[in-house]
N, C-alpha and C. Protein backbone atom coordinates (compact mmCIF):
# COMPACT_ATOMS: atom_id res chain seq x y z
N ALA A 1 93.75 133.99 110.30
CA ALA A 1 93.96 132.64 110.80
C ALA A 1 92.76 132.24 111.65
N LYS A 2 92.42 130.96 111.55
CA LYS A 2 91.31 130.44 112.34
C LYS A 2 91.85 129.60 113.47
N THR A 3 91.12 129.59 114.55
CA THR A 3 91.52 128.84 115.72
C THR A 3 90.46 127.80 116.01
N GLY A 4 90.86 126.62 116.42
CA GLY A 4 89.93 125.57 116.77
C GLY A 4 90.11 125.17 118.22
N PHE A 5 89.07 124.64 118.81
CA PHE A 5 89.10 124.20 120.19
C PHE A 5 88.46 122.84 120.30
N GLU A 6 88.93 122.07 121.27
CA GLU A 6 88.29 120.80 121.59
C GLU A 6 87.80 120.93 123.02
N LEU A 7 86.52 120.69 123.25
CA LEU A 7 85.91 120.85 124.57
C LEU A 7 85.41 119.50 125.06
N PHE A 8 85.59 119.27 126.35
CA PHE A 8 85.08 118.06 126.98
C PHE A 8 83.97 118.47 127.94
N VAL A 9 82.80 117.88 127.76
CA VAL A 9 81.65 118.25 128.55
C VAL A 9 80.82 116.99 128.82
N HIS A 10 80.09 117.00 129.90
CA HIS A 10 79.22 115.86 130.21
C HIS A 10 78.24 115.66 129.06
N PRO A 11 78.03 114.42 128.61
CA PRO A 11 77.17 114.17 127.46
C PRO A 11 75.75 114.72 127.59
N PHE A 12 75.22 114.78 128.82
CA PHE A 12 73.87 115.30 129.00
C PHE A 12 73.78 116.81 128.75
N ARG A 13 74.93 117.50 128.81
CA ARG A 13 74.94 118.95 128.63
C ARG A 13 75.56 119.37 127.30
N ALA A 14 76.02 118.41 126.51
CA ALA A 14 76.72 118.74 125.25
C ALA A 14 75.82 119.50 124.28
N GLY A 15 74.58 119.10 124.16
CA GLY A 15 73.65 119.79 123.26
C GLY A 15 73.42 121.24 123.67
N ASP A 16 73.29 121.46 124.98
CA ASP A 16 73.09 122.84 125.47
C ASP A 16 74.32 123.69 125.17
N LEU A 17 75.51 123.15 125.43
CA LEU A 17 76.74 123.89 125.16
C LEU A 17 76.85 124.22 123.68
N TRP A 18 76.54 123.27 122.83
CA TRP A 18 76.58 123.48 121.38
C TRP A 18 75.70 124.67 120.98
N ASP A 19 74.47 124.66 121.47
CA ASP A 19 73.52 125.73 121.14
C ASP A 19 74.01 127.09 121.64
N ILE A 20 74.55 127.13 122.86
CA ILE A 20 75.04 128.40 123.44
C ILE A 20 76.22 128.94 122.62
N ILE A 21 77.17 128.08 122.30
CA ILE A 21 78.34 128.52 121.53
C ILE A 21 77.92 129.08 120.18
N LEU A 22 77.04 128.39 119.48
CA LEU A 22 76.62 128.88 118.16
C LEU A 22 75.81 130.17 118.28
N ARG A 23 74.95 130.27 119.29
CA ARG A 23 74.14 131.49 119.46
C ARG A 23 75.02 132.67 119.85
N GLU A 24 75.83 132.50 120.87
CA GLU A 24 76.66 133.60 121.37
C GLU A 24 77.81 133.94 120.42
N GLY A 25 78.24 132.99 119.64
CA GLY A 25 79.37 133.22 118.74
C GLY A 25 78.99 133.67 117.36
N LYS A 26 77.69 133.82 117.11
CA LYS A 26 77.23 134.20 115.77
C LYS A 26 77.86 135.51 115.30
N SER A 27 77.93 136.49 116.18
CA SER A 27 78.51 137.79 115.80
C SER A 27 80.01 137.69 115.56
N LEU A 28 80.65 136.64 116.05
CA LEU A 28 82.09 136.43 115.84
C LEU A 28 82.36 135.50 114.66
N ASN A 29 81.31 135.13 113.94
CA ASN A 29 81.41 134.20 112.81
C ASN A 29 81.91 132.82 113.21
N ILE A 30 81.55 132.39 114.40
CA ILE A 30 81.90 131.03 114.84
C ILE A 30 81.05 130.05 114.05
N ILE A 31 81.71 129.07 113.47
CA ILE A 31 81.02 128.05 112.71
C ILE A 31 81.49 126.67 113.17
N PRO A 32 80.61 125.68 113.12
CA PRO A 32 81.02 124.33 113.53
C PRO A 32 81.79 123.61 112.42
N CYS A 33 82.65 122.75 112.82
CA CYS A 33 83.30 121.84 111.87
C CYS A 33 83.40 120.50 112.56
N GLY A 34 83.63 119.45 111.79
CA GLY A 34 83.60 118.13 112.39
C GLY A 34 84.72 117.24 111.93
N LEU A 35 84.41 115.96 111.79
CA LEU A 35 85.42 114.97 111.46
C LEU A 35 86.06 115.21 110.10
N GLY A 36 85.31 115.79 109.16
CA GLY A 36 85.89 116.10 107.86
C GLY A 36 87.06 117.06 107.99
N ALA A 37 86.91 118.06 108.86
CA ALA A 37 88.00 119.02 109.08
C ALA A 37 89.18 118.32 109.74
N ARG A 38 88.91 117.49 110.74
CA ARG A 38 90.00 116.75 111.40
C ARG A 38 90.73 115.88 110.39
N ASP A 39 89.97 115.16 109.57
CA ASP A 39 90.61 114.26 108.60
C ASP A 39 91.42 115.01 107.57
N SER A 40 90.89 116.10 107.02
CA SER A 40 91.66 116.81 105.99
C SER A 40 92.95 117.36 106.58
N LEU A 41 92.92 117.85 107.82
CA LEU A 41 94.13 118.38 108.44
C LEU A 41 95.15 117.28 108.70
N ARG A 42 94.72 116.16 109.27
CA ARG A 42 95.68 115.11 109.62
C ARG A 42 96.23 114.42 108.38
N ILE A 43 95.38 114.22 107.36
CA ILE A 43 95.84 113.56 106.14
C ILE A 43 96.82 114.45 105.39
N GLU A 44 96.49 115.73 105.28
CA GLU A 44 97.41 116.65 104.59
C GLU A 44 98.77 116.68 105.30
N ALA A 45 98.77 116.59 106.62
CA ALA A 45 100.01 116.59 107.38
C ALA A 45 100.69 115.22 107.39
N GLY A 46 99.96 114.15 107.03
CA GLY A 46 100.52 112.80 107.01
C GLY A 46 100.37 112.06 108.31
N LEU A 47 99.45 112.48 109.17
CA LEU A 47 99.30 111.88 110.49
C LEU A 47 98.30 110.73 110.48
N PRO A 48 98.56 109.68 111.26
CA PRO A 48 97.71 108.50 111.26
C PRO A 48 96.48 108.63 112.16
N LEU A 49 95.48 107.81 111.87
CA LEU A 49 94.30 107.68 112.71
C LEU A 49 94.17 106.19 113.03
N TYR A 50 93.98 105.88 114.29
CA TYR A 50 93.81 104.49 114.68
C TYR A 50 92.62 103.89 113.94
N GLY A 51 92.80 102.72 113.39
CA GLY A 51 91.76 102.07 112.61
C GLY A 51 91.91 102.32 111.12
N HIS A 52 92.76 103.25 110.74
CA HIS A 52 93.05 103.53 109.33
C HIS A 52 94.54 103.31 109.08
N GLU A 53 95.40 104.23 109.56
CA GLU A 53 96.85 104.11 109.33
C GLU A 53 97.56 103.40 110.47
N LEU A 54 96.85 103.02 111.47
CA LEU A 54 97.35 102.17 112.57
C LEU A 54 96.32 101.08 112.80
N ASP A 55 96.78 99.83 112.82
CA ASP A 55 95.91 98.67 113.01
C ASP A 55 94.90 98.59 111.87
N GLY A 56 93.62 98.60 112.13
CA GLY A 56 92.60 98.60 111.08
C GLY A 56 92.58 97.35 110.22
N GLU A 57 91.99 97.50 109.05
CA GLU A 57 91.79 96.41 108.09
C GLU A 57 93.09 95.69 107.73
N PHE A 58 94.20 96.43 107.70
CA PHE A 58 95.48 95.85 107.27
C PHE A 58 96.42 95.54 108.44
N ASN A 59 95.91 95.65 109.68
CA ASN A 59 96.69 95.32 110.88
C ASN A 59 98.05 96.03 110.85
N ILE A 60 98.04 97.33 110.65
CA ILE A 60 99.25 98.12 110.47
C ILE A 60 99.92 98.38 111.81
N SER A 61 101.20 98.07 111.87
CA SER A 61 101.98 98.26 113.09
C SER A 61 102.57 99.67 113.13
N PRO A 62 103.03 100.12 114.31
CA PRO A 62 103.71 101.42 114.38
C PRO A 62 104.94 101.48 113.47
N PHE A 63 105.58 100.34 113.23
CA PHE A 63 106.76 100.31 112.34
C PHE A 63 106.35 100.65 110.91
N GLN A 64 105.21 100.15 110.47
CA GLN A 64 104.71 100.43 109.13
C GLN A 64 104.17 101.85 109.03
N ALA A 65 103.65 102.38 110.13
CA ALA A 65 103.03 103.70 110.14
C ALA A 65 104.04 104.83 110.29
N GLY A 66 105.32 104.50 110.46
CA GLY A 66 106.34 105.54 110.61
C GLY A 66 106.58 105.96 112.04
N TYR A 67 106.16 105.13 112.98
CA TYR A 67 106.29 105.47 114.39
C TYR A 67 107.12 104.44 115.16
N SER A 68 108.16 103.92 114.55
CA SER A 68 109.00 102.94 115.23
C SER A 68 109.66 103.54 116.47
N TRP A 69 109.90 104.86 116.45
CA TRP A 69 110.51 105.54 117.60
C TRP A 69 109.64 105.45 118.85
N ALA A 70 108.36 105.17 118.70
CA ALA A 70 107.45 105.12 119.83
C ALA A 70 107.36 103.73 120.46
N VAL A 71 107.98 102.73 119.83
CA VAL A 71 107.92 101.36 120.34
C VAL A 71 109.30 101.00 120.87
N LYS A 72 109.39 100.78 122.15
CA LYS A 72 110.67 100.48 122.82
C LYS A 72 110.77 98.98 123.08
N LEU A 73 111.25 98.24 122.06
CA LEU A 73 111.34 96.79 122.19
C LEU A 73 112.36 96.35 123.24
N GLN A 74 113.27 97.25 123.63
CA GLN A 74 114.26 96.89 124.65
C GLN A 74 113.67 96.87 126.06
N LYS A 75 112.43 97.39 126.21
CA LYS A 75 111.77 97.34 127.52
C LYS A 75 111.56 95.87 127.89
N TYR A 76 111.63 95.59 129.19
CA TYR A 76 111.53 94.22 129.66
C TYR A 76 110.25 93.55 129.19
N LYS A 77 109.12 94.16 129.44
CA LYS A 77 107.86 93.51 129.10
C LYS A 77 106.78 94.57 128.92
N PHE A 78 105.97 94.41 127.90
CA PHE A 78 104.78 95.22 127.73
C PHE A 78 103.79 94.46 126.88
N ILE A 79 102.52 94.79 127.00
CA ILE A 79 101.47 94.09 126.24
C ILE A 79 101.69 94.32 124.76
N GLY A 80 101.75 93.24 124.01
CA GLY A 80 101.94 93.34 122.56
C GLY A 80 103.38 93.31 122.11
N LYS A 81 104.31 93.12 123.01
CA LYS A 81 105.74 93.14 122.66
C LYS A 81 106.07 92.08 121.61
N GLU A 82 105.57 90.87 121.80
CA GLU A 82 105.88 89.79 120.86
C GLU A 82 105.30 90.09 119.48
N ALA A 83 104.07 90.57 119.43
CA ALA A 83 103.43 90.91 118.16
C ALA A 83 104.17 92.05 117.47
N ALA A 84 104.60 93.04 118.24
CA ALA A 84 105.33 94.18 117.67
C ALA A 84 106.67 93.72 117.11
N ALA A 85 107.35 92.84 117.80
CA ALA A 85 108.66 92.36 117.35
C ALA A 85 108.57 91.60 116.02
N GLU A 86 107.43 90.96 115.77
CA GLU A 86 107.24 90.23 114.51
C GLU A 86 107.14 91.17 113.31
N LYS A 87 106.79 92.42 113.53
CA LYS A 87 106.59 93.37 112.44
C LYS A 87 107.70 94.42 112.36
N ILE A 88 108.87 94.11 112.91
CA ILE A 88 109.93 95.11 112.98
C ILE A 88 110.50 95.49 111.61
N ASN A 89 110.45 94.60 110.65
CA ASN A 89 110.98 94.91 109.32
C ASN A 89 109.94 94.53 108.25
N PRO A 90 108.85 95.28 108.19
CA PRO A 90 107.77 94.93 107.26
C PRO A 90 108.13 95.26 105.80
N ASP A 91 107.43 94.62 104.85
CA ASP A 91 107.67 94.92 103.43
C ASP A 91 106.67 95.96 102.91
N THR A 92 105.75 96.40 103.78
CA THR A 92 104.81 97.47 103.41
C THR A 92 104.91 98.57 104.46
N GLU A 93 104.54 99.79 104.05
CA GLU A 93 104.50 100.90 104.99
C GLU A 93 103.53 101.96 104.51
N VAL A 94 103.18 102.84 105.40
CA VAL A 94 102.24 103.91 105.07
C VAL A 94 102.97 104.99 104.27
N ALA A 95 102.37 105.35 103.16
CA ALA A 95 102.92 106.39 102.27
C ALA A 95 101.90 107.51 102.14
N ARG A 96 102.39 108.67 101.73
CA ARG A 96 101.52 109.81 101.45
C ARG A 96 101.63 110.10 99.96
N LEU A 97 100.49 110.22 99.29
CA LEU A 97 100.46 110.40 97.84
C LEU A 97 99.62 111.62 97.47
N LYS A 98 99.93 112.22 96.34
CA LYS A 98 99.19 113.40 95.87
C LYS A 98 98.67 113.14 94.47
N PHE A 99 97.39 113.48 94.28
CA PHE A 99 96.71 113.30 93.00
C PHE A 99 95.93 114.57 92.68
N ASP A 100 95.56 114.73 91.41
CA ASP A 100 94.68 115.84 91.06
C ASP A 100 93.34 115.66 91.74
N GLY A 101 92.69 116.78 91.99
CA GLY A 101 91.36 116.76 92.61
C GLY A 101 90.54 117.88 92.02
N GLY A 102 89.56 118.30 92.75
CA GLY A 102 88.74 119.41 92.29
C GLY A 102 87.55 118.97 91.47
N LYS A 103 86.91 119.96 90.87
CA LYS A 103 85.67 119.73 90.12
C LYS A 103 85.90 118.77 88.95
N GLY A 104 84.99 117.80 88.84
CA GLY A 104 85.03 116.85 87.73
C GLY A 104 85.93 115.65 87.95
N ILE A 105 86.67 115.62 89.03
CA ILE A 105 87.56 114.47 89.31
C ILE A 105 86.95 113.67 90.46
N ARG A 106 86.76 112.39 90.20
CA ARG A 106 86.15 111.51 91.18
C ARG A 106 87.02 111.43 92.44
N PRO A 107 86.41 111.55 93.62
CA PRO A 107 87.19 111.45 94.86
C PRO A 107 87.75 110.04 95.07
N ILE A 108 88.93 110.00 95.60
CA ILE A 108 89.57 108.74 95.97
C ILE A 108 88.96 108.29 97.30
N ARG A 109 88.73 106.98 97.43
CA ARG A 109 88.10 106.44 98.64
C ARG A 109 88.99 105.36 99.27
N GLN A 110 88.68 105.09 100.54
CA GLN A 110 89.36 104.04 101.28
C GLN A 110 89.24 102.73 100.51
N PHE A 111 90.33 101.98 100.44
CA PHE A 111 90.47 100.66 99.82
C PHE A 111 90.66 100.71 98.31
N ASP A 112 90.54 101.88 97.66
CA ASP A 112 90.90 101.95 96.24
C ASP A 112 92.33 101.46 96.10
N GLY A 113 92.65 100.86 94.97
CA GLY A 113 93.97 100.28 94.76
C GLY A 113 95.02 101.30 94.37
N ILE A 114 96.24 101.11 94.85
CA ILE A 114 97.40 101.91 94.44
C ILE A 114 98.17 101.06 93.44
N LEU A 115 98.43 101.63 92.26
CA LEU A 115 99.09 100.90 91.19
C LEU A 115 100.47 101.48 90.91
N ASN A 116 101.41 100.61 90.54
CA ASN A 116 102.72 101.09 90.10
C ASN A 116 102.66 101.43 88.62
N ASP A 117 103.80 101.77 88.02
CA ASP A 117 103.87 102.16 86.60
C ASP A 117 103.41 101.05 85.66
N ASP A 118 103.52 99.80 86.10
CA ASP A 118 103.11 98.66 85.27
C ASP A 118 101.64 98.29 85.47
N GLY A 119 100.92 99.05 86.30
CA GLY A 119 99.51 98.76 86.56
C GLY A 119 99.30 97.64 87.55
N ILE A 120 100.33 97.28 88.30
CA ILE A 120 100.22 96.23 89.32
C ILE A 120 99.84 96.88 90.65
N CYS A 121 98.86 96.30 91.32
CA CYS A 121 98.42 96.82 92.61
C CYS A 121 99.52 96.58 93.65
N ILE A 122 100.00 97.68 94.24
CA ILE A 122 101.07 97.61 95.25
C ILE A 122 100.56 97.99 96.64
N GLY A 123 99.26 98.28 96.74
CA GLY A 123 98.71 98.64 98.04
C GLY A 123 97.33 99.22 97.93
N HIS A 124 96.88 99.82 99.03
CA HIS A 124 95.50 100.31 99.12
C HIS A 124 95.42 101.62 99.88
N VAL A 125 94.46 102.43 99.49
CA VAL A 125 94.20 103.70 100.15
C VAL A 125 93.64 103.44 101.55
N LEU A 126 94.17 104.17 102.51
CA LEU A 126 93.68 104.08 103.89
C LEU A 126 92.77 105.26 104.21
N SER A 127 93.16 106.45 103.77
CA SER A 127 92.39 107.68 103.98
C SER A 127 92.72 108.63 102.84
N CYS A 128 91.80 109.54 102.54
CA CYS A 128 92.04 110.54 101.51
C CYS A 128 91.23 111.79 101.82
N ALA A 129 91.78 112.94 101.46
CA ALA A 129 91.08 114.21 101.67
C ALA A 129 91.45 115.18 100.57
N ALA A 130 90.52 116.10 100.30
CA ALA A 130 90.78 117.17 99.34
C ALA A 130 91.67 118.20 100.00
N ALA A 131 92.59 118.76 99.20
CA ALA A 131 93.48 119.82 99.67
C ALA A 131 93.62 120.80 98.51
N GLY A 132 92.71 121.77 98.46
CA GLY A 132 92.69 122.70 97.34
C GLY A 132 92.27 121.95 96.09
N ASP A 133 93.07 122.04 95.03
CA ASP A 133 92.75 121.33 93.78
C ASP A 133 93.46 119.99 93.70
N LYS A 134 93.92 119.47 94.84
CA LYS A 134 94.59 118.17 94.92
C LYS A 134 93.86 117.25 95.88
N GLN A 135 94.18 115.97 95.79
CA GLN A 135 93.73 114.98 96.76
C GLN A 135 94.98 114.39 97.39
N ILE A 136 95.00 114.32 98.70
CA ILE A 136 96.11 113.72 99.43
C ILE A 136 95.60 112.40 100.00
N ALA A 137 96.33 111.33 99.73
CA ALA A 137 95.95 110.01 100.23
C ALA A 137 97.05 109.46 101.12
N LEU A 138 96.64 108.75 102.15
CA LEU A 138 97.55 107.93 102.93
C LEU A 138 97.22 106.50 102.54
N ALA A 139 98.24 105.73 102.23
CA ALA A 139 98.03 104.37 101.72
C ALA A 139 99.07 103.43 102.28
N ILE A 140 98.72 102.16 102.38
CA ILE A 140 99.68 101.12 102.72
C ILE A 140 100.18 100.55 101.40
N ILE A 141 101.49 100.68 101.15
CA ILE A 141 102.06 100.22 99.88
C ILE A 141 103.34 99.44 100.13
N LYS A 142 103.77 98.73 99.09
CA LYS A 142 105.06 98.02 99.16
C LYS A 142 106.15 99.03 99.44
N LYS A 143 107.01 98.73 100.39
CA LYS A 143 108.04 99.64 100.86
C LYS A 143 108.94 100.15 99.73
N LYS A 144 109.25 99.31 98.76
CA LYS A 144 110.20 99.71 97.71
C LYS A 144 109.66 100.83 96.82
N TYR A 145 108.36 101.09 96.86
CA TYR A 145 107.76 102.17 96.07
C TYR A 145 107.57 103.46 96.88
N ASN A 146 107.90 103.40 98.16
CA ASN A 146 107.62 104.54 99.04
C ASN A 146 108.79 105.52 99.09
N SER A 147 109.00 106.22 98.00
CA SER A 147 109.97 107.32 98.01
C SER A 147 109.41 108.47 97.19
N ALA A 148 109.64 109.68 97.67
CA ALA A 148 109.08 110.87 97.03
C ALA A 148 109.44 110.90 95.55
N GLY A 149 108.44 111.21 94.74
CA GLY A 149 108.63 111.30 93.30
C GLY A 149 108.25 110.04 92.54
N THR A 150 108.03 108.94 93.24
CA THR A 150 107.65 107.70 92.59
C THR A 150 106.23 107.83 92.04
N PRO A 151 106.03 107.55 90.74
CA PRO A 151 104.68 107.64 90.18
C PRO A 151 103.76 106.56 90.77
N ALA A 152 102.48 106.90 90.87
CA ALA A 152 101.49 105.96 91.38
C ALA A 152 100.16 106.25 90.71
N GLY A 153 99.37 105.21 90.55
CA GLY A 153 98.03 105.35 89.99
C GLY A 153 97.00 104.89 90.99
N ILE A 154 95.76 105.27 90.73
CA ILE A 154 94.63 104.84 91.55
C ILE A 154 93.70 104.01 90.69
N TYR A 155 93.27 102.88 91.22
CA TYR A 155 92.19 102.11 90.60
C TYR A 155 90.96 102.31 91.48
N TYR A 156 89.94 103.00 90.94
CA TYR A 156 88.71 103.23 91.68
C TYR A 156 87.91 101.94 91.77
N LEU A 157 87.56 101.54 92.97
CA LEU A 157 86.70 100.37 93.15
C LEU A 157 85.26 100.71 92.79
N ALA A 158 84.48 99.68 92.48
CA ALA A 158 83.06 99.85 92.20
C ALA A 158 82.38 100.41 93.44
N ARG A 159 81.51 101.39 93.21
CA ARG A 159 80.79 101.99 94.33
C ARG A 159 79.29 101.79 94.24
N ASN A 160 78.84 101.18 93.14
CA ASN A 160 77.41 100.92 93.00
C ASN A 160 77.21 99.80 91.97
N ALA A 161 75.97 99.36 91.82
CA ALA A 161 75.66 98.24 90.91
C ALA A 161 76.03 98.57 89.47
N GLY A 162 75.86 99.83 89.06
CA GLY A 162 76.22 100.23 87.70
C GLY A 162 77.70 100.05 87.43
N HIS A 163 78.53 100.38 88.39
CA HIS A 163 79.98 100.18 88.24
C HIS A 163 80.32 98.70 88.07
N ILE A 164 79.65 97.87 88.86
CA ILE A 164 79.89 96.43 88.78
C ILE A 164 79.48 95.90 87.41
N GLN A 165 78.34 96.35 86.90
CA GLN A 165 77.88 95.92 85.58
C GLN A 165 78.84 96.37 84.48
N GLN A 166 79.53 97.48 84.70
CA GLN A 166 80.51 97.97 83.72
C GLN A 166 81.84 97.21 83.83
N GLY A 167 81.94 96.29 84.78
CA GLY A 167 83.15 95.48 84.92
C GLY A 167 84.15 95.99 85.94
N ARG A 168 83.77 96.99 86.70
CA ARG A 168 84.69 97.52 87.70
C ARG A 168 84.72 96.56 88.89
N LYS A 169 85.91 96.33 89.43
CA LYS A 169 86.09 95.41 90.55
C LYS A 169 85.60 96.01 91.86
N GLN A 170 85.07 95.14 92.72
CA GLN A 170 84.66 95.56 94.05
C GLN A 170 85.83 95.51 95.02
N LYS A 171 86.85 94.76 94.66
CA LYS A 171 88.04 94.61 95.49
C LYS A 171 89.21 94.35 94.55
N ILE A 172 90.37 94.90 94.87
CA ILE A 172 91.57 94.61 94.10
C ILE A 172 92.64 94.13 95.08
N ASN A 173 93.26 93.03 94.75
CA ASN A 173 94.29 92.45 95.61
C ASN A 173 95.67 92.90 95.18
N THR A 174 96.58 92.96 96.13
CA THR A 174 97.96 93.27 95.83
C THR A 174 98.47 92.24 94.82
N GLY A 175 99.13 92.72 93.77
CA GLY A 175 99.65 91.85 92.71
C GLY A 175 98.75 91.80 91.48
N GLU A 176 97.48 92.17 91.61
CA GLU A 176 96.57 92.19 90.45
C GLU A 176 96.91 93.36 89.53
N LYS A 177 96.63 93.16 88.25
CA LYS A 177 96.88 94.20 87.25
C LYS A 177 95.57 94.92 86.93
N ALA A 178 95.67 96.24 86.74
CA ALA A 178 94.51 97.06 86.40
C ALA A 178 95.00 98.33 85.71
N ALA A 179 94.10 99.00 85.05
CA ALA A 179 94.44 100.28 84.42
C ALA A 179 94.17 101.41 85.42
N PRO A 180 95.09 102.36 85.54
CA PRO A 180 94.86 103.46 86.49
C PRO A 180 93.76 104.40 86.00
N ASP A 181 92.96 104.88 86.94
CA ASP A 181 91.92 105.85 86.63
C ASP A 181 92.43 107.28 86.77
N ILE A 182 93.43 107.46 87.61
CA ILE A 182 94.04 108.76 87.85
C ILE A 182 95.48 108.52 88.26
N ASN A 183 96.37 109.41 87.86
CA ASN A 183 97.79 109.25 88.17
C ASN A 183 98.26 110.35 89.10
N GLY A 184 99.21 110.00 89.94
CA GLY A 184 99.78 110.95 90.89
C GLY A 184 101.19 110.53 91.24
N THR A 185 101.61 110.91 92.42
CA THR A 185 102.97 110.62 92.84
C THR A 185 103.06 110.46 94.35
N VAL A 186 104.04 109.69 94.78
CA VAL A 186 104.35 109.58 96.20
C VAL A 186 105.04 110.89 96.60
N VAL A 187 104.65 111.44 97.75
CA VAL A 187 105.28 112.65 98.27
C VAL A 187 105.86 112.34 99.65
N GLU A 188 106.61 113.29 100.21
CA GLU A 188 107.17 113.09 101.54
C GLU A 188 106.06 112.70 102.51
N ARG A 189 106.35 111.79 103.42
CA ARG A 189 105.32 111.28 104.32
C ARG A 189 104.70 112.37 105.19
N PHE A 190 105.51 113.22 105.80
CA PHE A 190 104.98 114.24 106.68
C PHE A 190 105.18 115.61 106.05
N GLU A 191 104.09 116.38 105.98
CA GLU A 191 104.15 117.72 105.39
C GLU A 191 105.05 118.63 106.22
N LYS A 192 105.85 119.42 105.56
CA LYS A 192 106.71 120.39 106.24
C LYS A 192 106.00 121.74 106.17
N PHE A 193 105.71 122.32 107.33
CA PHE A 193 104.99 123.59 107.37
C PHE A 193 105.93 124.72 107.71
C-alpha cells in the first residue's frame, strides 16, 4: 500500500522542501505525484471538484452534485440561500459513468457529450480519468437517466482542425442527436470500497 501526504509550506521554501524530500526519500522509493493522481482518485470514488462537479461551466448546485445534505435551507439566513432554494429540485444531476479505456481507445474529455440509447445528448462530461482498462467519467445528465445500469454513449468533440474538417462538432447541445463513439453505462455515484 502507498501512502500520500499533503504538506503546507511557505511558498519561498517549497522548492527547497521538494528537493530535500526527493533526495532523502530516494532510497525509500518516494516519487512525486500531482493533480492527475488527485483527479483519478476523486473521480473513481465519485467525488466532486469545485469548478467541475460543483458550480463551473454548468453552474451546478450542491443539490445536483449529490450534496443536498450539506445545504441547510431551514437556517435563518446565509449567503446564497435564495439561489440555492431555486435549485432544490433540478432536472439534471451529476452521474458517474464507466466506459472502456486502455490502449487504442480515445480518452474521454471534459464537455464531450453524453448520449442516451436514441443518440440524443442528455448531458456533458465534467471530469474523466483512467481506472485500469476503464474510463470513469463524472457528468451532468438529465436526472431520469441517472440510475445504475442505464446505457450511455459518448460523443467525442472535435479536438483539432482535422476533426472539424471531418465534420466533428466543436460543441454539442443537450437535445441534439449524434452517433456515439463509445458506449458505456451509468454506475453507482459513489464507489463502495
